[in-house]
Amino acid sequence: MDIEALIKLLKDELIKVLGESYKDYKTETKRDIEAFLEISKGKLARWTGLLEAGELTPKDYEWLLKSQKDLLLLNALYQAGVSKLRLGHLKNKIIKTIVNTVLTVVI
């Protein structure tokens, strides 16, 4: 599995997800998404490899991703006044999108 191709695919999918609700902040949220994926790249590569090898279940993979949720800052939306509750829901949606995208590629 090519981690660079996976990161690009994830970035595209996540920008689509954010674009649905936050069109006005697309450029800013794109930077936040790119920063999160860059910070998490090593772990994503390792965890996706383990998932692909059958050493992790999809549930384990999702749990590991949720452990990274604090790294997903979404500064642009926070500064725009989006509530913390709404940001929390959005972070969950982002994690779910990553899991679903990876599962379609790996399994």
Protein backbone atom coordinates (compact mmCIF):
# COMPACT_ATOMS: atom_id res chain seq x y z
CA MET A 1 0.00 0.00 0.00
CA ASP A 2 1.28 3.42 -0.98
CA ILE A 3 0.90 5.76 2.01
CA GLU A 4 1.26 8.89 -0.14
CA ALA A 5 -1.64 7.79 -2.36
CA LEU A 6 -3.70 6.97 0.73
CA ILE A 7 -2.97 10.36 2.31
CA LYS A 8 -4.01 12.11 -0.92
CA LEU A 9 -7.22 10.08 -1.09
CA LEU A 10 -7.99 10.84 2.57
CA LYS A 11 -7.31 14.53 2.04
CA ASP A 12 -9.68 14.63 -0.95
CA GLU A 13 -12.42 12.78 0.95
CA LEU A 14 -12.07 14.93 4.06
CA ILE A 15 -12.13 18.17 2.10
CA LYS A 16 -15.33 16.94 0.47
CA VAL A 17 -16.85 16.20 3.88
CA LEU A 18 -15.90 19.60 5.25
CA GLY A 19 -16.95 21.35 2.07
CA GLU A 20 -20.50 20.09 2.52
CA SER A 21 -20.97 22.06 5.73
CA TYR A 22 -18.24 24.71 5.68
CA LYS A 23 -17.86 25.93 2.09
CA ASP A 24 -16.87 29.42 3.23
CA TYR A 25 -13.83 28.06 5.08
CA LYS A 26 -12.62 25.51 2.53
CA THR A 27 -9.08 26.93 2.21
CA GLU A 28 -8.59 27.19 5.96
CA THR A 29 -10.03 23.77 6.75
CA LYS A 30 -7.91 22.26 3.98
CA ARG A 31 -4.81 23.49 5.84
CA ASP A 32 -6.10 22.01 9.10
CA ILE A 33 -6.78 18.65 7.41
CA GLU A 34 -3.35 18.62 5.76
CA ALA A 35 -1.67 19.40 9.09
CA PHE A 36 -3.56 16.58 10.85
CA LEU A 37 -2.70 14.07 8.12
CA GLU A 38 0.95 15.12 8.16
CA ILE A 39 1.18 14.78 11.95
CA SER A 40 -0.59 11.40 11.83
CA LYS A 41 1.11 10.05 8.69
CA GLY A 42 3.49 7.65 10.44
CA LYS A 43 0.79 6.21 12.65
CA LEU A 44 -1.67 5.97 9.76
CA ALA A 45 0.92 4.04 7.74
CA ARG A 46 1.68 1.66 10.61
CA TRP A 47 -1.97 1.11 11.61
CA THR A 48 -3.15 0.70 8.03
CA GLY A 49 -0.42 -1.86 7.42
CA LEU A 50 -1.53 -3.78 10.52
CA LEU A 51 -5.15 -3.58 9.37
CA GLU A 52 -4.19 -4.82 5.93
CA ALA A 53 -2.23 -7.71 7.48
CA GLY A 54 -5.22 -8.69 9.61
CA GLU A 55 -3.45 -7.82 12.85
CA LEU A 56 -5.99 -5.09 13.64
CA THR A 57 -9.74 -5.24 13.34
CA PRO A 58 -11.63 -2.29 11.82
CA LYS A 59 -12.89 -1.52 15.33
CA ASP A 60 -9.32 -1.46 16.69
CA TYR A 61 -8.30 0.81 13.82
CA GLU A 62 -11.12 3.22 14.57
CA TRP A 63 -10.23 3.24 18.26
CA LEU A 64 -6.62 4.11 17.43
CA LEU A 65 -7.75 6.94 15.16
CA LYS A 66 -10.01 8.30 17.88
CA SER A 67 -6.94 8.50 20.10
CA GLN A 68 -5.58 11.06 17.62
CA LYS A 69 -8.69 13.25 17.74
CA ASP A 70 -7.02 15.88 19.93
CA LEU A 71 -4.45 16.46 17.17
CA LEU A 72 -7.28 17.47 14.85
CA LEU A 73 -7.49 21.14 15.74
CA LEU A 74 -9.76 22.70 13.10
CA ASN A 75 -8.47 26.13 14.06
CA ALA A 76 -10.17 27.94 11.19
CA LEU A 77 -13.61 26.76 12.22
CA TYR A 78 -12.93 27.41 15.90
CA GLN A 79 -11.85 30.96 15.13
CA ALA A 80 -14.95 31.40 12.99
CA GLY A 81 -17.04 30.75 16.08
CA VAL A 82 -18.15 27.18 15.48
CA SER A 83 -19.15 25.69 18.83
CA LYS A 84 -16.98 23.11 20.55
CA LEU A 85 -19.88 20.67 20.47
CA ARG A 86 -20.25 21.05 16.71
CA LEU A 87 -16.48 20.73 16.26
CA GLY A 88 -16.60 17.51 18.30
CA HIS A 89 -19.29 16.12 15.99
CA LEU A 90 -17.25 17.16 12.98
CA LYS A 91 -14.13 15.46 14.36
CA ASN A 92 -16.14 12.25 14.80
CA LYS A 93 -17.34 12.54 11.22
CA ILE A 94 -13.76 13.02 10.04
CA ILE A 95 -12.57 9.94 11.95
CA LYS A 96 -15.47 7.91 10.51
CA THR A 97 -14.61 9.12 6.99
CA ILE A 98 -10.97 8.08 7.44
CA VAL A 99 -11.99 4.62 8.69
CA ASN A 100 -14.51 4.09 5.87
CA THR A 101 -12.06 5.29 3.20
CA VAL A 102 -9.23 3.11 4.49
CA LEU A 103 -11.53 0.07 4.73
CA THR A 104 -12.61 0.46 1.09
CA VAL A 105 -8.95 0.58 0.04
CA VAL A 106 -7.56 -2.15 2.29
CA ILE A 107 -10.34 -4.73 2.58
